[in-house]
């Protein structure tokens, strides 16, 4: 986790928390971009991981995902948060190794929201074909309503300028 913190610039005090989702994406993009400047003297663990190659980076992603799952099953929320940060760090290193820009991942998430109402995992392909199972098609009016994000939700609310038109107001 220390490698993640060391590679991210300090956030100014008083940062608007209503735009937490944008800040989160920016933090991951800043980490991604910082990986271009990693040196053995300043960020030895990250440099060693990157030099170890794709197989080792992929192994670390799998290890961190397992640690997140184990801590979640044990209901250790603080450890789950910490391990989740480690997983995101290793995932960004993996994207960097494959030259996958974070914006490509965000675009895929947006595509899923547009087709399914939320950015959930895509359905498995139908048996005997490579075509995915059908998803809700907005042209047919089958879209799942947008989730209501309230002050009590753990999910961050979208920034006002990014709030999609399909977002419904929350019932009080």
Protein backbone atom coordinates (compact mmCIF):
# COMPACT_ATOMS: atom_id res chain seq x y z
CA UNK A 1 0.00 0.00 0.00
CA UNK A 2 2.89 2.38 0.69
CA UNK A 3 3.84 2.25 -2.97
CA UNK A 4 0.40 3.53 -3.92
CA UNK A 5 0.55 6.46 -1.53
CA UNK A 6 4.11 7.36 -2.54
CA UNK A 7 3.20 7.49 -6.24
CA UNK A 8 0.12 9.69 -5.80
CA UNK A 9 0.43 13.45 -5.40
CA UNK A 10 -1.03 14.93 -2.24
CA UNK A 11 -4.66 16.01 -2.60
CA UNK A 12 -5.30 19.64 -1.69
CA UNK A 13 -7.12 20.22 1.60
CA UNK A 14 -10.82 20.85 1.24
CA UNK A 15 -11.21 18.74 -1.90
CA UNK A 16 -14.88 18.53 -2.87
CA UNK A 17 -16.00 15.07 -1.77
CA UNK A 18 -19.21 15.23 -3.83
CA UNK A 19 -17.06 14.47 -6.85
CA UNK A 20 -15.42 11.45 -5.25
CA UNK A 21 -15.92 9.26 -8.31
CA UNK A 22 -14.00 11.72 -10.50
CA UNK A 23 -11.26 12.05 -7.89
CA UNK A 24 -10.99 8.25 -7.68
CA UNK A 25 -10.60 7.94 -11.46
CA UNK A 26 -8.08 10.79 -11.46
CA UNK A 27 -6.09 9.12 -8.68
CA UNK A 28 -5.84 5.91 -10.69
CA UNK A 29 -4.89 7.83 -13.82
CA UNK A 30 -2.24 9.76 -11.87
CA UNK A 31 -0.85 6.47 -10.56
CA UNK A 32 -0.84 5.09 -14.12
CA UNK A 33 1.04 8.13 -15.41
CA UNK A 34 3.47 8.10 -12.46
CA UNK A 35 4.52 4.59 -13.45
CA UNK A 36 6.33 6.12 -16.44
CA UNK A 37 8.78 7.80 -14.05
CA UNK A 38 9.38 4.96 -11.57
CA UNK A 39 13.04 4.43 -10.68
CA UNK A 40 14.78 1.85 -8.52
CA UNK A 41 16.05 4.58 -6.21
CA UNK A 42 12.69 6.27 -5.54
CA UNK A 43 10.19 3.41 -5.87
CA UNK A 44 12.19 0.21 -5.65
CA UNK A 45 9.27 -2.19 -5.04
CA UNK A 46 7.26 -0.84 -7.96
CA UNK A 47 10.30 -0.80 -10.26
CA UNK A 48 11.14 -4.39 -9.33
CA UNK A 49 7.55 -5.49 -9.96
CA UNK A 50 7.47 -3.77 -13.34
CA UNK A 51 10.83 -5.27 -14.30
CA UNK A 52 9.65 -8.75 -13.25
CA UNK A 53 7.27 -8.81 -16.20
CA UNK A 54 3.67 -9.52 -17.04
CA UNK A 55 3.52 -12.98 -15.48
CA UNK A 56 4.64 -11.69 -12.05
CA UNK A 57 2.35 -8.64 -12.23
CA UNK A 58 -0.59 -10.89 -13.14
CA UNK A 59 0.28 -13.21 -10.26
CA UNK A 60 0.20 -10.25 -7.86
CA UNK A 61 -3.25 -9.20 -9.15
CA UNK A 62 -4.56 -12.71 -8.44
CA UNK A 63 -2.94 -12.76 -4.98
CA UNK A 64 -4.40 -9.39 -4.04
CA UNK A 65 -7.86 -10.34 -5.30
CA UNK A 66 -7.73 -13.46 -3.12
CA UNK A 67 -6.66 -11.39 -0.10
CA UNK A 68 -9.59 -9.00 -0.66
CA UNK A 69 -11.99 -11.95 -0.79
CA UNK A 70 -10.53 -13.60 2.31
CA UNK A 71 -10.69 -10.42 4.37
CA UNK A 72 -14.27 -9.83 3.20
CA UNK A 73 -15.33 -13.34 4.25
CA UNK A 74 -13.75 -12.68 7.64
CA UNK A 75 -15.77 -9.41 7.78
CA UNK A 76 -12.63 -7.37 8.42
CA UNK A 77 -13.72 -4.18 6.72
CA UNK A 78 -10.56 -2.14 7.37
CA UNK A 79 -8.35 -4.97 6.05
CA UNK A 80 -10.68 -5.35 3.06
CA UNK A 81 -10.25 -1.64 2.32
CA UNK A 82 -6.46 -1.93 2.60
CA UNK A 83 -6.28 -5.04 0.43
CA UNK A 84 -8.64 -3.42 -2.11
CA UNK A 85 -6.20 -0.51 -2.44
CA UNK A 86 -3.39 -3.02 -3.00
CA UNK A 87 -5.49 -4.77 -5.66
CA UNK A 88 -6.20 -1.50 -7.47
CA UNK A 89 -2.51 -0.61 -7.37
CA UNK A 90 -1.51 -3.95 -8.91
CA UNK A 91 -4.32 -3.72 -11.47
CA UNK A 92 -3.07 -0.30 -12.61
CA UNK A 93 0.47 -1.70 -12.89
CA UNK A 94 -0.97 -4.53 -15.03
CA UNK A 95 -2.82 -2.05 -17.27
CA UNK A 96 0.42 -0.09 -17.64
CA UNK A 97 2.35 -3.21 -18.61
CA UNK A 98 -0.23 -3.92 -21.32
CA UNK A 99 -0.46 -0.26 -22.43
CA UNK A 100 -4.14 -0.16 -21.47
CA UNK A 101 -5.09 3.41 -20.65
CA UNK A 102 -7.44 3.86 -17.67
CA UNK A 103 -9.75 5.80 -20.02
CA UNK A 104 -10.26 2.56 -21.98
CA UNK A 105 -11.53 0.84 -18.83
CA UNK A 106 -13.78 3.81 -17.97
CA UNK A 107 -15.18 3.73 -21.52
CA UNK A 108 -16.02 0.04 -21.13
CA UNK A 109 -17.72 0.75 -17.80
CA UNK A 110 -19.78 3.54 -19.40
CA UNK A 111 -20.71 1.22 -22.29
CA UNK A 112 -22.01 -1.33 -19.79
CA UNK A 113 -24.01 1.30 -17.91
CA UNK A 114 -25.57 2.43 -21.17
CA UNK A 115 -26.52 -1.11 -22.20
CA UNK A 116 -27.43 -2.66 -18.83
CA UNK A 117 -28.25 0.20 -16.47
CA UNK A 118 -25.25 -0.51 -14.24
CA UNK A 119 -21.63 -1.40 -14.96
CA UNK A 120 -22.05 -5.05 -14.05
CA UNK A 121 -20.14 -8.02 -15.39
CA UNK A 122 -21.16 -8.98 -18.89
CA UNK A 123 -23.22 -12.15 -19.33
CA UNK A 124 -21.40 -15.33 -20.31
CA UNK A 125 -21.51 -16.26 -24.01
CA UNK A 126 -24.33 -18.57 -25.06
CA UNK A 127 -23.42 -22.21 -25.18
CA UNK A 128 -21.86 -23.20 -28.52
CA UNK A 129 -21.28 -19.59 -29.62
CA UNK A 130 -19.00 -16.66 -28.88
CA UNK A 131 -21.95 -14.23 -28.84
CA UNK A 132 -22.76 -12.89 -25.39
CA UNK A 133 -26.21 -13.42 -23.95
CA UNK A 134 -28.54 -10.51 -24.72
CA UNK A 135 -28.57 -7.55 -22.36
CA UNK A 136 -31.16 -4.86 -21.79
CA UNK A 137 -31.49 -2.76 -24.92
CA UNK A 138 -32.36 0.87 -24.24
CA UNK A 139 -33.96 1.19 -27.68
CA UNK A 140 -36.64 -1.25 -26.56
CA UNK A 141 -37.28 0.57 -23.28
CA UNK A 142 -35.99 -2.33 -21.18
CA UNK A 143 -33.39 -0.34 -19.33
CA UNK A 144 -33.02 -0.94 -15.63
CA UNK A 145 -33.69 2.33 -13.75
CA UNK A 146 -30.59 4.17 -12.62
CA UNK A 147 -29.69 3.50 -9.00
CA UNK A 148 -30.67 6.06 -6.42
CA UNK A 149 -27.58 7.28 -4.59
CA UNK A 150 -28.41 8.89 -1.25
CA UNK A 151 -26.36 10.44 1.52
CA UNK A 152 -26.57 7.09 3.34
CA UNK A 153 -25.15 5.16 0.38
CA UNK A 154 -21.55 4.04 0.39
CA UNK A 155 -21.30 4.74 -3.34
CA UNK A 156 -20.20 8.28 -4.25
CA UNK A 157 -22.70 10.54 -5.95
CA UNK A 158 -21.84 11.61 -9.50
CA UNK A 159 -20.55 15.13 -10.00
CA UNK A 160 -23.40 17.43 -11.14
CA UNK A 161 -21.76 18.08 -14.50
CA UNK A 162 -21.34 14.34 -15.08
CA UNK A 163 -24.77 13.25 -13.89
CA UNK A 164 -26.44 11.36 -16.74
CA UNK A 165 -29.88 12.45 -17.90
CA UNK A 166 -31.33 9.05 -17.02
CA UNK A 167 -30.55 9.44 -13.31
CA UNK A 168 -33.82 9.57 -11.39
CA UNK A 169 -34.32 11.72 -8.32
CA UNK A 170 -34.37 9.87 -5.04
CA UNK A 171 -37.68 9.54 -3.25
CA UNK A 172 -37.59 11.15 0.17
